[in-house]
Amino acid sequence: MIHNGYEVWLCDHHGKRFSEYGITILDGQKEAVCYVASEAGAQFKIQWKDHNGVHPSGMRCLIDGFPAGLSICMPNGRGQRVGEFVSEESVKPYAFDHTLTTATEDHRLSNLAAPLENIGTIEVRVIPVHVRDKHVPFKPSIFAGIGPWVVSERSKRVGVHCVRLGNATKGRCQQREITALNPRAGPLVTFIFRYEPPAVLLARGMISSSAINDAASSAAGLAVVDEPHGVGSPRSGKCKVKTEGD
């Protein structure tokens, strides 16, 4: 999706963009929402580009309602998050996963909590920031992967997917210090991707049966692949993330 001079999209581990369905602009032109098809076991990346060229931006990500880090996008720049760093040279990639089913109430196999309605959402908030020319000691991500959620068989959320982290691969992370230009202001724009299994989108009338075959083809070859440069600009191979609040 592209809106207010920023472009954000999801792609598979080969870099192929996911098709976007039902794009809607909400909240006074500050929120762009769409649906994408997810395949359990398939890895994905979150990528973006700044078309404004005005100031650095912090791209704050939330997955299934949980904070998943913040990366820097420089004016007219681009970047990505392929997963979460567990060390300065090791990153665990994002992947879609099945939820589990129970006959009792909905819950998650974790001591963390998030509203059930957040399952199946990937959110990117664009925040103007000032980047300090100061590197900070590495701080591992606190995001440990959302799955598995346990969903009641009586719930309307049966059959949905969630996100987990895959096996660690090589990466390189360089963290820098940033501050928000206007801490009291909200995001310039928020991108929300609602991911669901192709069969669910088909039942909604949002995709065709041929699109299901395309999604299945994209999910082929699910083995973990190396991301030698981890998160950040494909050119520099360096991730730039805010450590505080991640």
Protein backbone atom coordinates (compact mmCIF):
# COMPACT_ATOMS: atom_id res chain seq x y z
CA MET A 1 0.00 0.00 0.00
CA ILE A 2 1.11 3.55 -0.63
CA HIS A 3 -0.38 6.49 1.24
CA ASN A 4 0.69 10.00 2.35
CA GLY A 5 4.05 9.60 0.66
CA TYR A 6 4.95 6.29 2.32
CA GLU A 7 4.78 2.80 0.85
CA VAL A 8 4.63 -0.38 2.95
CA TRP A 9 4.13 -3.92 1.73
CA LEU A 10 4.57 -7.57 2.72
CA CYS A 11 6.54 -10.01 0.61
CA ASP A 12 7.67 -13.63 0.74
CA HIS A 13 11.25 -14.66 1.49
CA HIS A 14 12.09 -14.39 -2.23
CA GLY A 15 10.94 -10.76 -2.29
CA LYS A 16 7.67 -11.33 -4.18
CA ARG A 17 5.00 -8.91 -2.98
CA PHE A 18 1.78 -10.23 -1.52
CA SER A 19 -1.38 -9.24 -3.37
CA GLU A 20 -3.47 -6.73 -1.39
CA TYR A 21 -7.27 -6.92 -1.26
CA GLY A 22 -9.98 -4.57 -0.06
CA ILE A 23 -7.74 -1.54 0.46
CA THR A 24 -9.51 1.04 2.62
CA ILE A 25 -8.44 4.47 3.93
CA LEU A 26 -9.71 5.27 7.44
CA ASP A 27 -9.25 7.64 10.39
CA GLY A 28 -9.19 10.91 8.48
CA GLN A 29 -6.78 9.67 5.80
CA LYS A 30 -4.23 8.52 8.40
CA GLU A 31 -4.84 4.78 8.27
CA ALA A 32 -4.54 2.39 5.31
CA VAL A 33 -5.95 -1.12 5.72
CA CYS A 34 -5.94 -4.16 3.45
CA TYR A 35 -6.16 -7.97 3.47
CA VAL A 36 -3.45 -10.41 2.37
CA ALA A 37 -3.46 -14.19 2.04
CA SER A 38 -1.28 -16.14 4.50
CA GLU A 39 0.03 -19.71 4.23
CA ALA A 40 1.02 -21.54 7.43
CA GLY A 41 4.76 -22.15 7.46
CA ALA A 42 5.56 -19.43 4.92
CA GLN A 43 8.13 -16.81 5.87
CA PHE A 44 7.50 -13.15 5.12
CA LYS A 45 9.16 -9.75 5.27
CA ILE A 46 7.85 -6.26 6.02
CA GLN A 47 9.28 -3.72 3.57
CA TRP A 48 8.83 0.01 3.01
CA LYS A 49 9.91 3.07 1.03
CA ASP A 50 9.80 6.80 1.79
CA HIS A 51 8.63 8.87 -1.21
CA ASN A 52 8.52 12.19 0.70
CA GLY A 53 12.23 12.85 1.20
CA VAL A 54 11.61 15.22 4.13
CA HIS A 55 12.89 13.69 7.38
CA PRO A 56 13.87 10.32 8.88
CA SER A 57 10.99 8.14 9.98
CA GLY A 58 10.66 5.45 12.60
CA MET A 59 8.76 2.43 11.27
CA ARG A 60 7.22 0.93 14.40
CA CYS A 61 5.87 -2.58 13.88
CA LEU A 62 3.23 -4.48 15.83
CA ILE A 63 2.38 -8.09 15.08
CA ASP A 64 -0.82 -9.60 16.43
CA GLY A 65 -0.96 -6.68 18.84
CA PHE A 66 2.56 -7.15 20.24
CA PRO A 67 5.42 -4.62 19.73
CA ALA A 68 7.89 -6.01 17.19
CA GLY A 69 10.54 -3.30 17.08
CA LEU A 70 11.21 -0.04 15.29
CA SER A 71 13.48 0.52 12.27
CA ILE A 72 14.73 3.76 10.75
CA CYS A 73 13.83 4.82 7.22
CA MET A 74 15.88 7.75 5.91
CA PRO A 75 14.42 10.35 3.50
CA ASN A 76 13.83 8.75 0.07
CA GLY A 77 15.17 5.54 1.58
CA ARG A 78 13.83 2.05 1.94
CA GLY A 79 14.20 -0.78 4.41
CA GLN A 80 12.74 -3.96 5.80
CA ARG A 81 12.23 -6.18 8.82
CA VAL A 82 12.76 -9.84 8.11
CA GLY A 83 12.45 -10.96 11.72
CA GLU A 84 13.78 -10.31 15.21
CA PHE A 85 17.43 -10.20 16.27
CA VAL A 86 18.45 -12.48 19.13
CA SER A 87 22.10 -11.37 18.88
CA GLU A 88 24.10 -8.87 16.82
CA GLU A 89 24.67 -11.54 14.16
CA SER A 90 21.59 -13.75 14.44
CA VAL A 91 17.99 -13.08 13.36
CA LYS A 92 14.87 -15.24 13.58
CA PRO A 93 12.59 -14.74 10.53
CA TYR A 94 8.85 -14.10 10.66
CA ALA A 95 6.56 -16.93 9.57
CA PHE A 96 2.82 -17.55 9.55
CA ASP A 97 1.51 -20.38 11.71
CA HIS A 98 -1.71 -22.20 12.60
CA THR A 99 -3.58 -21.42 15.78
CA LEU A 100 -4.55 -24.33 18.01
CA THR A 101 -8.13 -25.23 18.92
CA THR A 102 -9.61 -25.96 22.33
CA ALA A 103 -13.07 -26.76 23.65
CA THR A 104 -12.60 -24.22 26.47
CA GLU A 105 -12.01 -20.47 26.45
CA ASP A 106 -9.60 -18.58 24.19
CA HIS A 107 -6.14 -18.04 25.57
CA ARG A 108 -2.47 -17.94 24.65
CA LEU A 109 0.29 -20.28 25.78
CA SER A 110 2.25 -17.43 27.31
CA ASN A 111 2.26 -15.03 30.22
CA LEU A 112 1.85 -12.16 27.76
CA ALA A 113 -1.61 -10.88 26.93
CA ALA A 114 -3.18 -9.17 23.94
CA PRO A 115 -6.77 -8.86 22.75
CA LEU A 116 -7.90 -11.82 20.69
CA GLU A 117 -9.06 -9.50 17.90
CA ASN A 118 -5.42 -8.54 17.27
CA ILE A 119 -4.62 -12.01 15.93
CA GLY A 120 -4.06 -11.78 12.20
CA THR A 121 -2.82 -8.18 12.03
CA ILE A 122 0.53 -6.68 11.04
CA GLU A 123 0.72 -2.96 11.75
CA VAL A 124 3.36 -0.40 10.75
CA ARG A 125 3.21 3.10 12.29
CA VAL A 126 5.23 5.84 10.61
CA ILE A 127 6.66 8.31 13.16
CA PRO A 128 8.95 11.31 12.35
CA VAL A 129 12.20 10.98 14.30
CA HIS A 130 15.59 12.57 14.86
CA VAL A 131 18.48 10.13 14.42
CA ARG A 132 21.44 10.72 16.70
CA ASP A 133 24.91 9.89 15.43
CA LYS A 134 25.41 7.54 18.34
CA HIS A 135 25.49 3.78 18.34
CA VAL A 136 24.18 2.01 21.42
CA PRO A 137 24.96 -1.41 22.92
CA PHE A 138 22.96 -4.22 21.37
CA LYS A 139 19.68 -5.02 23.06
CA PRO A 140 17.88 -8.23 21.99
CA SER A 141 14.28 -7.99 20.89
CA ILE A 142 11.66 -8.89 23.49
CA PHE A 143 9.38 -10.18 20.75
CA ALA A 144 9.49 -13.96 20.96
CA GLY A 145 6.87 -14.90 18.40
CA ILE A 146 3.15 -14.74 18.84
CA GLY A 147 2.17 -18.37 18.31
CA PRO A 148 0.72 -20.54 19.40
CA TRP A 149 -2.62 -19.01 20.20
CA VAL A 150 -5.25 -21.42 21.51
CA VAL A 151 -8.65 -20.51 20.09
CA SER A 152 -11.97 -21.88 21.34
CA GLU A 153 -13.78 -24.04 18.82
CA ARG A 154 -16.83 -21.90 19.61
CA SER A 155 -14.96 -18.72 18.72
CA LYS A 156 -15.37 -16.76 15.51
CA ARG A 157 -11.56 -16.84 15.26
CA VAL A 158 -11.32 -20.57 14.52
CA GLY A 159 -9.08 -21.23 11.51
CA VAL A 160 -7.13 -17.99 11.71
CA HIS A 161 -3.35 -17.81 11.51
CA CYS A 162 -0.83 -16.19 13.86
CA VAL A 163 2.89 -15.35 13.59
CA ARG A 164 5.84 -17.25 14.98
CA LEU A 165 9.62 -16.88 14.66
CA GLY A 166 11.59 -19.37 12.59
CA ASN A 167 15.04 -20.81 13.16
CA ALA A 168 17.86 -18.30 13.57
CA THR A 169 19.86 -17.33 10.49
CA LYS A 170 22.85 -15.05 9.93
CA GLY A 171 22.27 -11.33 10.13
CA ARG A 172 23.98 -8.13 11.22
CA CYS A 173 22.43 -5.58 13.52
CA GLN A 174 23.58 -2.06 14.34
CA GLN A 175 21.39 -0.14 16.77
CA ARG A 176 21.29 3.65 16.99
CA GLU A 177 19.69 6.16 19.29
CA ILE A 178 16.63 8.10 18.10
CA THR A 179 14.07 10.51 19.52
CA ALA A 180 10.58 11.32 18.27
CA LEU A 181 10.28 14.81 16.77
CA ASN A 182 6.90 15.28 18.44
CA PRO A 183 6.30 12.67 21.15
CA ARG A 184 2.74 13.89 21.76
CA ALA A 185 1.68 13.57 18.13
CA GLY A 186 0.36 10.33 16.69
CA PRO A 187 1.78 8.50 13.67
CA LEU A 188 1.88 10.31 10.32
CA VAL A 189 0.21 7.27 8.81
CA THR A 190 -0.52 3.70 9.94
CA PHE A 191 -0.57 0.68 7.64
CA ILE A 192 -2.57 -2.36 8.77
CA PHE A 193 -2.38 -5.71 6.99
CA ARG A 194 -5.02 -8.25 7.99
CA TYR A 195 -3.67 -11.66 7.03
CA GLU A 196 -5.97 -14.66 6.70
CA PRO A 197 -5.85 -18.11 5.08
CA PRO A 198 -6.83 -18.02 1.38
CA ALA A 199 -9.92 -20.15 2.07
CA VAL A 200 -11.19 -17.53 4.53
CA LEU A 201 -10.65 -14.72 2.03
CA LEU A 202 -12.41 -16.82 -0.61
CA ALA A 203 -15.40 -17.24 1.70
CA ARG A 204 -15.45 -13.46 2.18
CA GLY A 205 -15.63 -13.04 -1.59
CA MET A 206 -12.36 -11.10 -1.61
CA ILE A 207 -10.30 -13.46 -3.78
CA SER A 208 -10.90 -16.03 -6.51
CA SER A 209 -10.06 -19.73 -6.48
CA SER A 210 -7.15 -19.04 -8.83
CA ALA A 211 -5.67 -16.71 -6.22
CA ILE A 212 -5.61 -19.62 -3.77
CA ASN A 213 -3.41 -21.57 -6.20
CA ASP A 214 -1.10 -18.55 -6.53
CA ALA A 215 -0.79 -18.28 -2.73
CA ALA A 216 0.04 -21.96 -2.48
CA SER A 217 2.76 -21.56 -5.10
CA SER A 218 4.28 -18.65 -3.17
CA ALA A 219 4.41 -20.80 -0.03
CA ALA A 220 6.44 -23.49 -1.76
CA GLY A 221 9.98 -24.04 -0.45
CA LEU A 222 9.37 -23.18 3.18
CA ALA A 223 12.85 -24.09 4.42
CA VAL A 224 14.54 -21.29 6.34
CA VAL A 225 16.78 -19.23 4.07
CA ASP A 226 19.73 -17.09 5.12
CA GLU A 227 19.27 -13.33 5.36
CA PRO A 228 22.95 -12.33 5.37
CA HIS A 229 22.21 -8.67 6.00
CA GLY A 230 19.31 -9.07 8.40
CA VAL A 231 16.96 -6.12 8.87
CA GLY A 232 17.47 -2.75 7.23
CA SER A 233 18.56 -1.35 3.92
CA PRO A 234 19.34 -4.02 1.29
CA ARG A 235 22.37 -1.94 0.28
CA SER A 236 23.97 -1.27 3.63
CA GLY A 237 22.98 -4.53 5.27
CA LYS A 238 22.66 -2.75 8.60
CA CYS A 239 19.57 -2.65 10.73
CA LYS A 240 18.80 0.54 12.59
CA VAL A 241 16.43 0.05 15.42
CA LYS A 242 15.44 1.93 18.51
CA THR A 243 16.25 -0.07 21.60
CA GLU A 244 14.10 1.73 24.14
CA GLY A 245 10.53 0.45 24.21
CA ASP A 246 11.10 -2.39 21.72
